Structure formats: structure tokens, C-alpha cells
């Protein structure tokens, strides 16, 4: 989790997230429109067959590449080779996501991890920029924890921060990516991502997945989006403003920062 407020501990940031949810979610839930998830033969049966076919092929093709990435990672950051974290999948089901490590474990004076942009290595920036750190996720797709296309699986801590509308992103399996339909904006915000996820939930179909796969390739090669992935600069999802738009930790209202410091 990144921390734009470096004078706050991870525990204080988490407390702010809970307070933002308590204070604002009732209003946000009243403001945001309802969601109508797609339900068709493809979403129930065809999508899984599509995932198995492509992920099995991808796992075989990328095996030598993963061996190479593992060797370079061992030299770059040492052991352990893998970063493992529990993520939330369809209907709130937890699963473990595995990636090659690309950050050091450097910590500040409080013992908290430094922000990702300060810990990611030069090699780590490269694999993020090229999305090579995502290749192991094809195994998660083959197992059935994930899908090729779908909302990105996010950490458990965000669950308590979602509005009712954005909780619907869990109506489908998480995906390798749910690329933006419009790449002209370059780097997108948390609100852009969450609303794009909901659009996908409401429009799942074979045609949509084929379109999104094409977008995924363009998204992976888009320089502005690639740079954002490389430096982990977007911050953490914290909650919402009073207009119902998602905010990150750089947008925490000052009164919440003062509250956290007084109640540490």
C-alpha cells in the first residue's frame, strides 16, 4: 500500500479508510446509480471455456519466459522470489495471487514499508512497464480463480471502503485486466477504474471480451499507462468524496489526517 502522507503509519491510513467509510458511504450509496449485472449463456458457461483455452496455451508459451524472469529476479532482489497476497475474487471469495517480486523491503523509522515508488527496482520498473509481472496470473486463470478479462483483484482492505455500486465489481471473476475503453486519457484514476469495472459487469459478452482483449494489448503498450504501472504512482483507494467519486491517499481531507494524528 502506498502512503502519500509519509508522516502517517499504515495503521493510521487504515483507520482513516474506516472513518471515511463510516462518515460517507450512506451519502455515496444514495448518490450512485444501481447496477444491473449481465446474465447470459456466455457469462455463465462460455466465458470459462474461453479462459481455459487461452490460458492453457499462454501457460505453455510463457513458461521459458517465467524461468528467465525468475533468474533475473533472484539476482535483483534475492529470495523469496515470489510476492504473495490474498486478494478478493467473485462473490468475496479469497484467493492468493502470486507475482515475481520487484520491490525491496526497505522500511522507514517507524518500521513501515517505504512507498512502492521508493522500493521498486530498475528491473521492477521494466517488468511492470511491460506487464511481465502479470504472466504468472495465467495459472490463476487456468485454476479458475481469475478470468482473462475482468476487474483487477484488489486487496482485502478495500472491501470495507467500497460503495454498494462498486461492490458489484465482485459479481464477476477478477481478471488479468479490465482495460479502459478510452485510452486517450492516459493514466486513469481510481474512479475511472471502478466505473470501468462496473461497465464491464453490466456488459459481459463474447463480443465484449474480444474487444477488451484487443484493448488489453493496446493498454499494455500505452506509454503513459505503462509508466504509471512502473512507478506505482497512483496511490491507494481510500474511499469517496461528497460527490461520490473515488479518492486516493493523496486526496485524504486534512481533517482526517489531523484526526488520525490525534488518535494514534
C-alpha atoms as a PDB file:
ATOM      1  CA  UNK A   1       0.000   0.000   0.000  1.00  0.00           C
ATOM      2  CA  UNK A   2       1.459   3.369  -0.919  1.00  0.00           C
ATOM      3  CA  UNK A   3       1.423   6.242   1.536  1.00  0.00           C
ATOM      4  CA  UNK A   4       1.491   9.779   0.124  1.00  0.00           C
ATOM      5  CA  UNK A   5       1.231  11.024   3.732  1.00  0.00           C
ATOM      6  CA  UNK A   6       4.572   9.650   4.828  1.00  0.00           C
ATOM      7  CA  UNK A   7       4.101  11.096   8.324  1.00  0.00           C
ATOM      8  CA  UNK A   8       1.222   8.638   8.843  1.00  0.00           C
ATOM      9  CA  UNK A   9       1.666   4.960   9.667  1.00  0.00           C
ATOM     10  CA  UNK A  10      -0.061   2.188   7.740  1.00  0.00           C
ATOM     11  CA  UNK A  11      -2.338   1.682  10.752  1.00  0.00           C
ATOM     12  CA  UNK A  12      -3.356   5.347  10.700  1.00  0.00           C
ATOM     13  CA  UNK A  13      -4.093   5.191   6.964  1.00  0.00           C
ATOM     14  CA  UNK A  14      -6.288   2.133   7.562  1.00  0.00           C
ATOM     15  CA  UNK A  15      -8.126   3.949  10.374  1.00  0.00           C
ATOM     16  CA  UNK A  16      -8.796   6.873   8.053  1.00  0.00           C
ATOM     17  CA  UNK A  17     -10.200   4.467   5.469  1.00  0.00           C
ATOM     18  CA  UNK A  18     -12.633   3.053   8.027  1.00  0.00           C
ATOM     19  CA  UNK A  19     -13.698   6.519   9.195  1.00  0.00           C
ATOM     20  CA  UNK A  20     -14.229   7.738   5.624  1.00  0.00           C
ATOM     21  CA  UNK A  21     -16.439   4.692   5.017  1.00  0.00           C
ATOM     22  CA  UNK A  22     -18.436   5.297   8.194  1.00  0.00           C
ATOM     23  CA  UNK A  23     -18.893   9.005   7.510  1.00  0.00           C
ATOM     24  CA  UNK A  24     -19.536   8.989   3.770  1.00  0.00           C
ATOM     25  CA  UNK A  25     -20.855   5.671   2.460  1.00  0.00           C
ATOM     26  CA  UNK A  26     -24.503   6.315   3.396  1.00  0.00           C
ATOM     27  CA  UNK A  27     -24.480   9.505   1.290  1.00  0.00           C
ATOM     28  CA  UNK A  28     -22.455   7.926  -1.525  1.00  0.00           C
ATOM     29  CA  UNK A  29     -24.780   4.916  -1.720  1.00  0.00           C
ATOM     30  CA  UNK A  30     -27.737   7.274  -2.086  1.00  0.00           C
ATOM     31  CA  UNK A  31     -25.997   9.248  -4.858  1.00  0.00           C
ATOM     32  CA  UNK A  32     -24.685   6.443  -7.059  1.00  0.00           C
ATOM     33  CA  UNK A  33     -26.980   4.653  -9.548  1.00  0.00           C
ATOM     34  CA  UNK A  34     -27.929   0.991  -9.264  1.00  0.00           C
ATOM     35  CA  UNK A  35     -26.078  -1.741 -11.138  1.00  0.00           C
ATOM     36  CA  UNK A  36     -27.702  -4.310 -13.456  1.00  0.00           C
ATOM     37  CA  UNK A  37     -25.224  -7.179 -13.981  1.00  0.00           C
ATOM     38  CA  UNK A  38     -25.255  -9.036 -17.282  1.00  0.00           C
ATOM     39  CA  UNK A  39     -26.610 -12.600 -17.166  1.00  0.00           C
ATOM     40  CA  UNK A  40     -26.395 -14.666 -20.346  1.00  0.00           C
ATOM     41  CA  UNK A  41     -25.151 -18.038 -21.627  1.00  0.00           C
ATOM     42  CA  UNK A  42     -21.693 -16.674 -22.299  1.00  0.00           C
ATOM     43  CA  UNK A  43     -21.260 -15.188 -18.812  1.00  0.00           C
ATOM     44  CA  UNK A  44     -22.456 -18.449 -17.221  1.00  0.00           C
ATOM     45  CA  UNK A  45     -20.669 -21.039 -19.392  1.00  0.00           C
ATOM     46  CA  UNK A  46     -18.826 -19.675 -22.422  1.00  0.00           C
ATOM     47  CA  UNK A  47     -16.518 -17.329 -20.579  1.00  0.00           C
ATOM     48  CA  UNK A  48     -14.935 -20.179 -18.576  1.00  0.00           C
ATOM     49  CA  UNK A  49     -14.304 -22.231 -21.729  1.00  0.00           C
ATOM     50  CA  UNK A  50     -12.754 -19.161 -23.347  1.00  0.00           C
ATOM     51  CA  UNK A  51     -10.479 -18.691 -20.303  1.00  0.00           C
ATOM     52  CA  UNK A  52      -9.313 -22.314 -20.227  1.00  0.00           C
ATOM     53  CA  UNK A  53      -8.474 -22.419 -23.914  1.00  0.00           C
ATOM     54  CA  UNK A  54      -6.377 -19.241 -23.949  1.00  0.00           C
ATOM     55  CA  UNK A  55      -4.753 -19.575 -20.501  1.00  0.00           C
ATOM     56  CA  UNK A  56      -3.605 -23.171 -21.135  1.00  0.00           C
ATOM     57  CA  UNK A  57      -1.888 -22.033 -24.326  1.00  0.00           C
ATOM     58  CA  UNK A  58      -0.426 -18.964 -22.580  1.00  0.00           C
ATOM     59  CA  UNK A  59       0.947 -21.005 -19.656  1.00  0.00           C
ATOM     60  CA  UNK A  60       2.843 -23.248 -22.081  1.00  0.00           C
ATOM     61  CA  UNK A  61       4.177 -20.401 -24.199  1.00  0.00           C
ATOM     62  CA  UNK A  62       5.301 -18.221 -21.281  1.00  0.00           C
ATOM     63  CA  UNK A  63       6.994 -20.986 -19.261  1.00  0.00           C
ATOM     64  CA  UNK A  64      10.526 -20.240 -20.605  1.00  0.00           C
ATOM     65  CA  UNK A  65       9.968 -16.501 -20.095  1.00  0.00           C
ATOM     66  CA  UNK A  66       8.945 -17.087 -16.473  1.00  0.00           C
ATOM     67  CA  UNK A  67      12.110 -19.100 -15.841  1.00  0.00           C
ATOM     68  CA  UNK A  68      14.153 -16.195 -17.195  1.00  0.00           C
ATOM     69  CA  UNK A  69      12.255 -13.616 -15.129  1.00  0.00           C
ATOM     70  CA  UNK A  70      12.756 -15.787 -12.037  1.00  0.00           C
ATOM     71  CA  UNK A  71      16.519 -15.942 -12.606  1.00  0.00           C
ATOM     72  CA  UNK A  72      16.833 -12.163 -13.025  1.00  0.00           C
ATOM     73  CA  UNK A  73      14.591 -11.555 -10.001  1.00  0.00           C
ATOM     74  CA  UNK A  74      16.824 -13.792  -7.872  1.00  0.00           C
ATOM     75  CA  UNK A  75      19.816 -11.626  -8.768  1.00  0.00           C
ATOM     76  CA  UNK A  76      17.862  -8.357  -8.448  1.00  0.00           C
ATOM     77  CA  UNK A  77      16.043  -8.709  -5.108  1.00  0.00           C
ATOM     78  CA  UNK A  78      17.042 -12.166  -3.857  1.00  0.00           C
ATOM     79  CA  UNK A  79      14.765 -14.554  -2.027  1.00  0.00           C
ATOM     80  CA  UNK A  80      11.899 -15.046  -1.752  1.00  0.00           C
ATOM     81  CA  UNK A  81      11.282 -14.914  -5.491  1.00  0.00           C
ATOM     82  CA  UNK A  82       7.540 -14.500  -5.210  1.00  0.00           C
ATOM     83  CA  UNK A  83       5.233 -11.865  -3.824  1.00  0.00           C
ATOM     84  CA  UNK A  84       2.079 -13.481  -2.443  1.00  0.00           C
ATOM     85  CA  UNK A  85      -1.009 -11.653  -1.291  1.00  0.00           C
ATOM     86  CA  UNK A  86      -4.605 -12.564  -0.551  1.00  0.00           C
ATOM     87  CA  UNK A  87      -6.991 -10.900  -2.974  1.00  0.00           C
ATOM     88  CA  UNK A  88     -10.770 -10.850  -3.200  1.00  0.00           C
ATOM     89  CA  UNK A  89     -12.471 -12.623  -6.086  1.00  0.00           C
ATOM     90  CA  UNK A  90     -16.004 -13.283  -7.246  1.00  0.00           C
ATOM     91  CA  UNK A  91     -18.651 -13.018  -4.505  1.00  0.00           C
ATOM     92  CA  UNK A  92     -15.958 -12.117  -1.975  1.00  0.00           C
ATOM     93  CA  UNK A  93     -14.071 -15.412  -2.309  1.00  0.00           C
ATOM     94  CA  UNK A  94     -10.436 -15.060  -1.209  1.00  0.00           C
ATOM     95  CA  UNK A  95      -7.536 -16.478  -3.181  1.00  0.00           C
ATOM     96  CA  UNK A  96      -3.767 -15.996  -3.246  1.00  0.00           C
ATOM     97  CA  UNK A  97      -2.207 -14.095  -6.115  1.00  0.00           C
ATOM     98  CA  UNK A  98       1.449 -14.801  -6.946  1.00  0.00           C
ATOM     99  CA  UNK A  99       3.849 -12.488  -8.768  1.00  0.00           C
ATOM    100  CA  UNK A 100       7.593 -12.195  -9.085  1.00  0.00           C
ATOM    101  CA  UNK A 101       8.947  -9.713  -6.559  1.00  0.00           C
ATOM    102  CA  UNK A 102      10.117  -6.392  -7.944  1.00  0.00           C
ATOM    103  CA  UNK A 103      10.491  -4.326  -4.762  1.00  0.00           C
ATOM    104  CA  UNK A 104      12.960  -4.264  -1.922  1.00  0.00           C
ATOM    105  CA  UNK A 105      11.726  -4.434   1.684  1.00  0.00           C
ATOM    106  CA  UNK A 106      13.140  -1.046   2.747  1.00  0.00           C
ATOM    107  CA  UNK A 107      11.373   0.469   5.777  1.00  0.00           C
ATOM    108  CA  UNK A 108      11.152   3.861   7.458  1.00  0.00           C
ATOM    109  CA  UNK A 109      11.997   4.786  11.056  1.00  0.00           C
ATOM    110  CA  UNK A 110       8.575   3.514  12.226  1.00  0.00           C
ATOM    111  CA  UNK A 111       9.188   0.093  10.712  1.00  0.00           C
ATOM    112  CA  UNK A 112       6.624   0.664   7.940  1.00  0.00           C
ATOM    113  CA  UNK A 113       7.461  -0.193   4.359  1.00  0.00           C
ATOM    114  CA  UNK A 114       8.525   2.792   2.275  1.00  0.00           C
ATOM    115  CA  UNK A 115       6.156   3.817  -0.556  1.00  0.00           C
ATOM    116  CA  UNK A 116       6.280   1.461  -3.577  1.00  0.00           C
ATOM    117  CA  UNK A 117       7.826   4.107  -5.823  1.00  0.00           C
ATOM    118  CA  UNK A 118      10.840   4.200  -3.468  1.00  0.00           C
ATOM    119  CA  UNK A 119      11.220   0.417  -3.220  1.00  0.00           C
ATOM    120  CA  UNK A 120      10.687  -0.742  -6.784  1.00  0.00           C
ATOM    121  CA  UNK A 121      13.958  -1.622  -8.547  1.00  0.00           C
ATOM    122  CA  UNK A 122      15.038  -0.675 -12.059  1.00  0.00           C
ATOM    123  CA  UNK A 123      14.248  -4.232 -13.170  1.00  0.00           C
ATOM    124  CA  UNK A 124      10.949  -3.989 -11.352  1.00  0.00           C
ATOM    125  CA  UNK A 125      10.016  -0.863 -13.296  1.00  0.00           C
ATOM    126  CA  UNK A 126      10.770  -2.696 -16.524  1.00  0.00           C
ATOM    127  CA  UNK A 127       8.629  -5.743 -15.751  1.00  0.00           C
ATOM    128  CA  UNK A 128       5.759  -3.525 -14.582  1.00  0.00           C
ATOM    129  CA  UNK A 129       6.011  -1.332 -17.668  1.00  0.00           C
ATOM    130  CA  UNK A 130       5.930  -4.376 -19.951  1.00  0.00           C
ATOM    131  CA  UNK A 131       3.366  -6.274 -17.779  1.00  0.00           C
ATOM    132  CA  UNK A 132       5.777  -9.226 -17.495  1.00  0.00           C
ATOM    133  CA  UNK A 133       4.981  -9.344 -13.772  1.00  0.00           C
ATOM    134  CA  UNK A 134       1.454 -10.459 -14.730  1.00  0.00           C
ATOM    135  CA  UNK A 135       2.448 -13.622 -16.626  1.00  0.00           C
ATOM    136  CA  UNK A 136       2.120 -15.937 -13.593  1.00  0.00           C
ATOM    137  CA  UNK A 137      -1.524 -14.924 -13.357  1.00  0.00           C
ATOM    138  CA  UNK A 138      -2.347 -17.124 -16.357  1.00  0.00           C
ATOM    139  CA  UNK A 139      -2.058 -20.017 -13.878  1.00  0.00           C
ATOM    140  CA  UNK A 140      -4.714 -18.345 -11.697  1.00  0.00           C
ATOM    141  CA  UNK A 141      -6.937 -18.133 -14.768  1.00  0.00           C
ATOM    142  CA  UNK A 142      -6.399 -21.800 -15.590  1.00  0.00           C
ATOM    143  CA  UNK A 143      -7.220 -22.780 -11.980  1.00  0.00           C
ATOM    144  CA  UNK A 144     -10.423 -20.775 -12.083  1.00  0.00           C
ATOM    145  CA  UNK A 145      -9.550 -18.099  -9.506  1.00  0.00           C
ATOM    146  CA  UNK A 146      -9.411 -15.455 -12.205  1.00  0.00           C
ATOM    147  CA  UNK A 147     -10.568 -14.724 -15.734  1.00  0.00           C
ATOM    148  CA  UNK A 148      -8.711 -13.247 -18.684  1.00  0.00           C
ATOM    149  CA  UNK A 149     -10.878 -10.134 -18.661  1.00  0.00           C
ATOM    150  CA  UNK A 150     -12.451  -8.705 -15.531  1.00  0.00           C
ATOM    151  CA  UNK A 151     -11.891  -6.215 -12.718  1.00  0.00           C
ATOM    152  CA  UNK A 152      -8.391  -6.436 -11.302  1.00  0.00           C
ATOM    153  CA  UNK A 153      -8.285  -8.360  -7.987  1.00  0.00           C
ATOM    154  CA  UNK A 154      -7.635  -5.869  -5.208  1.00  0.00           C
ATOM    155  CA  UNK A 155      -6.508  -6.256  -1.551  1.00  0.00           C
ATOM    156  CA  UNK A 156      -8.949  -7.251   1.180  1.00  0.00           C
ATOM    157  CA  UNK A 157      -8.609  -3.897   2.958  1.00  0.00           C
ATOM    158  CA  UNK A 158     -10.572  -2.187   0.173  1.00  0.00           C
ATOM    159  CA  UNK A 159     -13.690  -4.270   0.804  1.00  0.00           C
ATOM    160  CA  UNK A 160     -14.901  -2.092   3.665  1.00  0.00           C
ATOM    161  CA  UNK A 161     -14.365   1.047   1.578  1.00  0.00           C
ATOM    162  CA  UNK A 162     -16.464   0.156  -1.490  1.00  0.00           C
ATOM    163  CA  UNK A 163     -19.857   1.716  -2.096  1.00  0.00           C
ATOM    164  CA  UNK A 164     -22.768  -0.607  -2.828  1.00  0.00           C
ATOM    165  CA  UNK A 165     -22.357   0.208  -6.523  1.00  0.00           C
ATOM    166  CA  UNK A 166     -18.679  -0.665  -6.660  1.00  0.00           C
ATOM    167  CA  UNK A 167     -19.144  -3.849  -4.632  1.00  0.00           C
ATOM    168  CA  UNK A 168     -20.791  -5.186  -7.800  1.00  0.00           C
ATOM    169  CA  UNK A 169     -17.318  -5.474  -9.346  1.00  0.00           C
ATOM    170  CA  UNK A 170     -17.250  -8.742  -7.357  1.00  0.00           C
ATOM    171  CA  UNK A 171     -20.202 -10.122  -9.357  1.00  0.00           C
ATOM    172  CA  UNK A 172     -17.702 -11.482 -11.891  1.00  0.00           C
ATOM    173  CA  UNK A 173     -14.335 -13.187 -11.540  1.00  0.00           C
ATOM    174  CA  UNK A 174     -11.395 -10.821 -11.326  1.00  0.00           C
ATOM    175  CA  UNK A 175      -9.329 -10.591 -14.479  1.00  0.00           C
ATOM    176  CA  UNK A 176      -5.790 -10.023 -15.632  1.00  0.00           C
ATOM    177  CA  UNK A 177      -7.058  -6.585 -16.534  1.00  0.00           C
ATOM    178  CA  UNK A 178     -10.217  -4.705 -17.379  1.00  0.00           C
ATOM    179  CA  UNK A 179      -8.643  -2.183 -19.752  1.00  0.00           C
ATOM    180  CA  UNK A 180     -10.150   1.265 -20.260  1.00  0.00           C
ATOM    181  CA  UNK A 181     -12.369   1.605 -23.288  1.00  0.00           C
ATOM    182  CA  UNK A 182     -10.850   5.019 -23.987  1.00  0.00           C
ATOM    183  CA  UNK A 183      -7.043   5.184 -23.817  1.00  0.00           C
ATOM    184  CA  UNK A 184      -6.889   8.869 -24.746  1.00  0.00           C
ATOM    185  CA  UNK A 185      -6.851   9.960 -21.088  1.00  0.00           C
ATOM    186  CA  UNK A 186      -3.558   8.193 -20.444  1.00  0.00           C
ATOM    187  CA  UNK A 187      -3.236   7.365 -16.747  1.00  0.00           C
ATOM    188  CA  UNK A 188      -6.637   6.796 -15.166  1.00  0.00           C
ATOM    189  CA  UNK A 189      -7.890   7.461 -11.659  1.00  0.00           C
ATOM    190  CA  UNK A 190      -9.438   5.066  -9.149  1.00  0.00           C
ATOM    191  CA  UNK A 191     -12.853   6.414 -10.092  1.00  0.00           C
ATOM    192  CA  UNK A 192     -12.139   5.723 -13.767  1.00  0.00           C
ATOM    193  CA  UNK A 193     -11.139   2.148 -12.928  1.00  0.00           C
ATOM    194  CA  UNK A 194     -14.077   1.350 -10.655  1.00  0.00           C
ATOM    195  CA  UNK A 195     -16.624   2.788 -13.091  1.00  0.00           C
ATOM    196  CA  UNK A 196     -14.993   0.906 -15.965  1.00  0.00           C
ATOM    197  CA  UNK A 197     -15.285  -2.291 -13.896  1.00  0.00           C
ATOM    198  CA  UNK A 198     -18.999  -1.689 -13.391  1.00  0.00           C
ATOM    199  CA  UNK A 199     -19.494  -1.045 -17.108  1.00  0.00           C
ATOM    200  CA  UNK A 200     -17.903  -4.442 -17.742  1.00  0.00           C
ATOM    201  CA  UNK A 201     -20.120  -6.187 -15.166  1.00  0.00           C
ATOM    202  CA  UNK A 202     -23.172  -4.795 -16.958  1.00  0.00           C
ATOM    203  CA  UNK A 203     -21.910  -5.700 -20.448  1.00  0.00           C
ATOM    204  CA  UNK A 204     -20.227  -9.131 -20.224  1.00  0.00           C
ATOM    205  CA  UNK A 205     -20.468 -10.949 -23.554  1.00  0.00           C
ATOM    206  CA  UNK A 206     -18.228 -12.748 -26.048  1.00  0.00           C
ATOM    207  CA  UNK A 207     -18.142  -9.599 -28.182  1.00  0.00           C
ATOM    208  CA  UNK A 208     -17.164  -7.502 -25.166  1.00  0.00           C
ATOM    209  CA  UNK A 209     -14.362  -9.884 -24.159  1.00  0.00           C
ATOM    210  CA  UNK A 210     -12.914  -9.929 -27.689  1.00  0.00           C
ATOM    211  CA  UNK A 211     -12.995  -6.134 -27.759  1.00  0.00           C
ATOM    212  CA  UNK A 212     -11.400  -5.927 -24.305  1.00  0.00           C
ATOM    213  CA  UNK A 213      -8.627  -8.360 -25.274  1.00  0.00           C
ATOM    214  CA  UNK A 214      -7.688  -6.033 -28.122  1.00  0.00           C
ATOM    215  CA  UNK A 215      -7.801  -3.095 -25.714  1.00  0.00           C
ATOM    216  CA  UNK A 216      -5.650  -5.052 -23.255  1.00  0.00           C
ATOM    217  CA  UNK A 217      -2.811  -5.294 -25.762  1.00  0.00           C
ATOM    218  CA  UNK A 218      -3.028  -1.574 -26.501  1.00  0.00           C
ATOM    219  CA  UNK A 219      -3.244  -0.771 -22.782  1.00  0.00           C
ATOM    220  CA  UNK A 220      -0.137  -2.833 -22.026  1.00  0.00           C
ATOM    221  CA  UNK A 221       1.762  -0.939 -24.737  1.00  0.00           C
ATOM    222  CA  UNK A 222       0.387   2.534 -23.878  1.00  0.00           C
ATOM    223  CA  UNK A 223       3.358   4.593 -22.674  1.00  0.00           C
ATOM    224  CA  UNK A 224       1.537   6.749 -20.105  1.00  0.00           C
ATOM    225  CA  UNK A 225      -0.277   3.819 -18.526  1.00  0.00           C
ATOM    226  CA  UNK A 226       2.904   1.739 -18.626  1.00  0.00           C
ATOM    227  CA  UNK A 227       4.814   4.457 -16.807  1.00  0.00           C
ATOM    228  CA  UNK A 228       2.150   4.589 -14.092  1.00  0.00           C
ATOM    229  CA  UNK A 229       2.441   0.829 -13.566  1.00  0.00           C
ATOM    230  CA  UNK A 230       6.224   1.109 -13.489  1.00  0.00           C
ATOM    231  CA  UNK A 231       6.412   3.658 -10.668  1.00  0.00           C
ATOM    232  CA  UNK A 232       3.260   2.643  -8.727  1.00  0.00           C
ATOM    233  CA  UNK A 233       2.319   6.328  -8.511  1.00  0.00           C
ATOM    234  CA  UNK A 234      -1.483   6.205  -8.323  1.00  0.00           C
ATOM    235  CA  UNK A 235      -1.751   5.572  -4.600  1.00  0.00           C
ATOM    236  CA  UNK A 236      -4.266   3.524  -2.646  1.00  0.00           C
ATOM    237  CA  UNK A 237      -8.051   3.597  -2.930  1.00  0.00           C
ATOM    238  CA  UNK A 238      -9.292   5.290   0.259  1.00  0.00           C
ATOM    239  CA  UNK A 239     -12.999   5.956  -0.217  1.00  0.00           C
ATOM    240  CA  UNK A 240     -15.097   8.742  -1.759  1.00  0.00           C
ATOM    241  CA  UNK A 241     -15.596  12.480  -1.833  1.00  0.00           C
ATOM    242  CA  UNK A 242     -19.019  14.000  -1.184  1.00  0.00           C
ATOM    243  CA  UNK A 243     -19.857  13.782  -4.893  1.00  0.00           C
ATOM    244  CA  UNK A 244     -19.415  10.007  -4.867  1.00  0.00           C
ATOM    245  CA  UNK A 245     -16.081   9.982  -6.738  1.00  0.00           C
ATOM    246  CA  UNK A 246     -13.366   7.584  -5.554  1.00  0.00           C
ATOM    247  CA  UNK A 247     -10.282   9.183  -3.980  1.00  0.00           C
ATOM    248  CA  UNK A 248      -6.751   8.014  -3.209  1.00  0.00           C
ATOM    249  CA  UNK A 249      -4.479   8.631  -0.221  1.00  0.00           C
ATOM    250  CA  UNK A 250      -3.155  11.876  -1.713  1.00  0.00           C
ATOM    251  CA  UNK A 251      -6.736  13.228  -1.580  1.00  0.00           C
ATOM    252  CA  UNK A 252      -7.461  12.470   2.075  1.00  0.00           C
ATOM    253  CA  UNK A 253      -9.135  15.579   3.587  1.00  0.00           C
ATOM    254  CA  UNK A 254      -6.846  17.376   6.027  1.00  0.00           C
ATOM    255  CA  UNK A 255      -9.317  16.995   8.902  1.00  0.00           C
ATOM    256  CA  UNK A 256      -8.981  13.212   8.637  1.00  0.00           C
ATOM    257  CA  UNK A 257      -5.193  13.464   8.696  1.00  0.00           C
ATOM    258  CA  UNK A 258      -5.399  15.611  11.857  1.00  0.00           C
ATOM    259  CA  UNK A 259      -7.886  13.168  13.412  1.00  0.00           C
ATOM    260  CA  UNK A 260      -5.574  10.222  12.761  1.00  0.00           C
ATOM    261  CA  UNK A 261      -2.614  12.005  14.341  1.00  0.00           C
ATOM    262  CA  UNK A 262      -4.633  12.918  17.433  1.00  0.00           C
ATOM    263  CA  UNK A 263      -5.945   9.370  17.864  1.00  0.00           C
ATOM    264  CA  UNK A 264      -2.810   7.336  17.200  1.00  0.00           C
END
